Amino acid sequence: MAVRRAVVGWAAALVVSGGLLALPLVALAATSSVNIQNSAFAPATTTVRVGDTVTWTNRDAFSHTSTSDTGTWDTGVIRAGAASSFTFTVAGTFAYHCAIHAFMHGTIVVQAATTPQPTAPPTAPPTPVRTVPPTIAPTSPPTTAPTEAPTAQATTAAPSPTAAPASAPAETSSPSPSTVAAQPTPAPTGGGVAPLVIGAALLAVVALGAIAFFLARRP
């Protein structure tokens, strides 16, 4: 029993596999129709691919045939309202006619089956690139050059002229025969020294002022 079940299972698997393998061929195959009407094939030229089937349907009230000029196929007599088919397995151009009515002609063009191109897998959308805005370097405010504080120039006090000490009055007594006391006369003071000292002091003040002005103008 177990062996029989295994055999049945393998047989079913082979049948299913064969059906799946034949499915693409069935899906790719097509059927084209040709009408036989008014003693003519319509359309007169039919284009199919390898593996396609052509079906001739008789629309007239009398019989016709579809017979290859080279003997590739022959449908035999197709009675009124009946149809007959033929599957083309070789590429080429095939002329045919009606064996009952020799003036009726048609052509079947069989093109080679093309292998379907594999569809490319969907491409992933490009990853958006995040653009970072440029960073602007902070500009430091302009620094003002420190201004030097004017240094107070020490003004040297000009020495005040000192009055030359006046010489003490010398009392001269002149002997006189008289008993009257001699009157003391003050000695004259040195009047030439004081103007020189004052001039020197003025020159020193002017010189110090010029030096202070020059230092103040110097950057």
Protein backbone atom coordinates (compact mmCIF):
# COMPACT_ATOMS: atom_id res chain seq x y z
CA MET A 1 0.00 0.00 0.00
CA ALA A 2 2.79 2.39 0.89
CA VAL A 3 4.57 1.67 -2.40
CA ARG A 4 1.37 2.26 -4.37
CA ARG A 5 0.78 5.60 -2.66
CA ALA A 6 4.35 6.65 -3.41
CA VAL A 7 3.95 5.73 -7.08
CA VAL A 8 0.65 7.62 -7.30
CA GLY A 9 2.25 10.64 -5.63
CA TRP A 10 5.19 10.66 -8.06
CA ALA A 11 2.85 10.30 -11.03
CA ALA A 12 0.73 13.23 -9.85
CA ALA A 13 3.86 15.32 -9.33
CA LEU A 14 5.07 14.57 -12.87
CA VAL A 15 1.69 15.50 -14.35
CA VAL A 16 1.59 18.79 -12.45
CA SER A 17 5.20 19.58 -13.41
CA GLY A 18 4.51 18.89 -17.07
CA GLY A 19 1.46 21.11 -16.97
CA LEU A 20 3.42 23.94 -15.39
CA LEU A 21 6.19 23.60 -17.97
CA ALA A 22 3.69 23.66 -20.84
CA LEU A 23 1.78 26.61 -19.42
CA PRO A 24 4.11 29.29 -20.90
CA LEU A 25 3.83 27.69 -24.35
CA VAL A 26 0.04 27.70 -24.13
CA ALA A 27 0.03 31.28 -22.94
CA LEU A 28 2.30 32.40 -25.80
CA ALA A 29 0.34 30.54 -28.50
CA ALA A 30 -2.42 32.41 -30.31
CA THR A 31 -5.19 31.59 -32.77
CA SER A 32 -5.89 33.57 -35.93
CA SER A 33 -9.10 33.33 -37.88
CA VAL A 34 -9.54 33.33 -41.66
CA ASN A 35 -13.06 33.56 -43.10
CA ILE A 36 -13.95 31.85 -46.38
CA GLN A 37 -16.68 34.05 -47.85
CA ASN A 38 -17.77 35.04 -51.35
CA SER A 39 -15.28 32.48 -52.66
CA ALA A 40 -12.29 34.24 -51.14
CA PHE A 41 -10.00 33.97 -48.14
CA ALA A 42 -10.34 36.97 -45.83
CA PRO A 43 -7.83 38.19 -45.02
CA ALA A 44 -5.85 37.06 -48.02
CA THR A 45 -2.57 37.25 -46.01
CA THR A 46 -2.36 36.25 -42.37
CA THR A 47 0.72 36.73 -40.19
CA VAL A 48 1.29 34.47 -37.18
CA ARG A 49 4.19 33.19 -35.05
CA VAL A 50 5.60 29.72 -34.64
CA GLY A 51 3.22 27.74 -32.42
CA ASP A 52 0.14 29.76 -33.46
CA THR A 53 -2.94 28.16 -34.95
CA VAL A 54 -4.95 29.33 -37.98
CA THR A 55 -8.66 28.45 -38.16
CA TRP A 56 -10.56 28.63 -41.47
CA THR A 57 -14.33 29.09 -41.16
CA ASN A 58 -16.56 28.56 -44.20
CA ARG A 59 -19.15 31.38 -44.42
CA ASP A 60 -20.36 30.35 -47.91
CA ALA A 61 -23.27 28.03 -48.72
CA PHE A 62 -20.97 25.55 -50.44
CA SER A 63 -17.83 23.67 -49.50
CA HIS A 64 -14.19 24.81 -49.69
CA THR A 65 -10.71 23.61 -48.67
CA SER A 66 -7.48 25.12 -47.36
CA THR A 67 -4.66 23.32 -49.10
CA SER A 68 -0.96 24.28 -48.99
CA ASP A 69 0.72 24.77 -52.36
CA THR A 70 3.66 22.66 -51.10
CA GLY A 71 1.57 20.04 -49.34
CA THR A 72 2.43 21.26 -45.81
CA TRP A 73 -1.23 20.99 -44.76
CA ASP A 74 -4.63 20.18 -46.19
CA THR A 75 -7.78 20.71 -44.18
CA GLY A 76 -9.88 18.60 -46.51
CA VAL A 77 -13.40 19.63 -47.38
CA ILE A 78 -14.83 22.32 -45.12
CA ARG A 79 -18.59 22.27 -45.44
CA ALA A 80 -20.80 25.35 -45.14
CA GLY A 81 -20.73 26.71 -41.59
CA ALA A 82 -17.90 24.36 -40.54
CA ALA A 83 -14.30 25.18 -39.58
CA SER A 84 -10.88 23.56 -39.69
CA SER A 85 -7.58 24.47 -38.02
CA PHE A 86 -3.84 23.93 -38.48
CA THR A 87 -0.96 24.74 -36.09
CA PHE A 88 2.26 26.09 -37.63
CA THR A 89 5.51 24.85 -36.07
CA VAL A 90 7.98 26.12 -38.70
CA ALA A 91 8.70 29.70 -39.68
CA GLY A 92 8.25 30.69 -43.29
CA THR A 93 5.82 32.02 -45.90
CA PHE A 94 3.26 29.50 -47.08
CA ALA A 95 0.89 29.97 -50.04
CA TYR A 96 -2.32 27.99 -50.18
CA HIS A 97 -5.43 27.61 -52.28
CA CYS A 98 -8.84 25.97 -52.39
CA ALA A 99 -8.68 22.53 -54.01
CA ILE A 100 -12.29 22.86 -55.16
CA HIS A 101 -11.99 26.41 -56.56
CA ALA A 102 -8.48 26.85 -58.00
CA PHE A 103 -8.85 30.64 -58.36
CA MET A 104 -9.01 31.06 -54.56
CA HIS A 105 -5.55 31.83 -53.10
CA GLY A 106 -4.17 32.93 -49.72
CA THR A 107 -0.85 33.30 -47.83
CA ILE A 108 0.22 32.46 -44.29
CA VAL A 109 3.35 34.21 -42.96
CA VAL A 110 4.85 32.43 -39.94
CA GLN A 111 7.40 34.39 -37.96
CA ALA A 112 9.95 32.86 -35.58
CA ALA A 113 8.96 32.95 -31.97
CA THR A 114 10.94 35.52 -30.04
CA THR A 115 12.18 34.80 -26.56
CA PRO A 116 10.59 37.29 -24.20
CA GLN A 117 13.17 39.59 -22.73
CA PRO A 118 13.55 39.23 -18.98
CA THR A 119 12.11 42.16 -17.19
CA ALA A 120 14.69 44.06 -15.25
CA PRO A 121 14.08 44.13 -11.52
CA PRO A 122 12.74 47.41 -10.28
CA THR A 123 15.52 49.71 -9.38
CA ALA A 124 15.42 51.23 -5.96
CA PRO A 125 14.81 54.95 -6.01
CA PRO A 126 17.97 56.96 -5.52
CA THR A 127 18.66 57.86 -1.96
CA PRO A 128 18.18 61.59 -1.58
CA VAL A 129 21.41 63.30 -0.72
CA ARG A 130 21.01 65.65 2.12
CA THR A 131 22.70 68.89 1.30
CA VAL A 132 24.04 70.75 4.26
CA PRO A 133 23.87 74.50 3.81
CA PRO A 134 27.27 76.11 3.98
CA THR A 135 28.09 77.44 7.39
CA ILE A 136 29.07 81.04 7.40
CA ALA A 137 31.94 81.71 9.69
CA PRO A 138 30.95 84.32 12.23
CA THR A 139 32.68 87.54 11.58
CA SER A 140 34.12 89.12 14.63
CA PRO A 141 33.31 92.77 14.99
CA PRO A 142 36.18 95.00 14.04
CA THR A 143 38.33 95.73 16.99
CA THR A 144 39.23 99.34 17.36
CA ALA A 145 42.82 100.01 18.13
CA PRO A 146 43.13 101.14 21.68
CA THR A 147 43.83 104.76 21.84
CA GLU A 148 46.67 105.59 24.08
CA ALA A 149 45.55 107.71 26.95
CA PRO A 150 47.46 110.87 26.88
CA THR A 151 50.04 110.65 29.53
CA ALA A 152 50.10 113.67 31.57
CA GLN A 153 53.45 115.18 31.15
CA ALA A 154 54.85 116.16 34.42
CA THR A 155 55.66 119.75 34.23
CA THR A 156 58.62 120.56 36.20
CA ALA A 157 57.99 123.60 38.18
CA ALA A 158 60.38 126.20 37.21
CA PRO A 159 62.45 127.25 40.10
CA SER A 160 61.30 130.51 41.34
CA PRO A 161 63.95 133.07 41.25
CA THR A 162 65.37 133.65 44.60
CA ALA A 163 66.31 137.10 45.43
CA ALA A 164 69.93 137.41 46.09
CA PRO A 165 70.50 138.29 49.70
CA ALA A 166 71.20 141.85 50.01
CA SER A 167 74.37 142.57 51.71
CA ALA A 168 73.91 143.83 55.14
CA PRO A 169 74.56 147.50 55.42
CA ALA A 170 77.97 148.12 56.68
CA GLU A 171 78.14 150.82 59.15
CA THR A 172 81.08 152.90 58.55
CA SER A 173 81.97 155.35 61.09
CA SER A 174 84.24 158.02 60.13
CA PRO A 175 86.02 159.64 62.96
CA SER A 176 85.03 163.11 63.15
CA PRO A 177 86.25 165.53 65.49
CA SER A 178 82.73 166.39 66.33
CA THR A 179 80.68 164.52 68.82
CA VAL A 180 77.77 164.08 66.40
CA ALA A 181 77.13 160.30 65.63
CA ALA A 182 77.78 159.32 62.04
CA GLN A 183 74.70 158.40 60.01
CA PRO A 184 74.94 154.81 58.52
CA THR A 185 74.45 154.74 54.69
CA PRO A 186 73.13 151.39 53.16
CA ALA A 187 75.40 149.78 50.57
CA PRO A 188 73.94 149.55 47.11
CA THR A 189 72.25 146.10 46.29
CA GLY A 190 73.52 143.99 43.39
CA GLY A 191 70.91 144.86 40.76
CA GLY A 192 72.60 142.85 37.86
CA VAL A 193 72.07 139.27 39.21
CA ALA A 194 68.23 139.23 39.48
CA PRO A 195 67.44 139.79 35.72
CA LEU A 196 69.74 136.91 34.72
CA VAL A 197 68.01 134.46 37.05
CA ILE A 198 64.57 135.49 35.78
CA GLY A 199 65.63 135.05 32.12
CA ALA A 200 67.04 131.59 32.79
CA ALA A 201 63.79 130.54 34.46
CA LEU A 202 61.74 131.79 31.49
CA LEU A 203 63.95 129.86 29.06
CA ALA A 204 63.55 126.70 31.16
CA VAL A 205 59.72 127.09 31.16
CA VAL A 206 59.66 127.59 27.35
CA ALA A 207 61.89 124.56 26.81
CA LEU A 208 59.78 122.34 29.06
CA GLY A 209 56.59 123.52 27.30
CA ALA A 210 58.08 122.67 23.87
CA ILE A 211 59.08 119.20 25.08
CA ALA A 212 55.59 118.59 26.50
CA PHE A 213 53.97 119.72 23.20
CA PHE A 214 56.20 117.42 21.18
CA LEU A 215 55.43 114.44 23.40
CA ALA A 216 51.68 115.16 23.20
CA ARG A 217 51.76 115.17 19.36
CA ARG A 218 53.79 111.97 19.18
CA PRO A 219 51.54 108.93 18.31
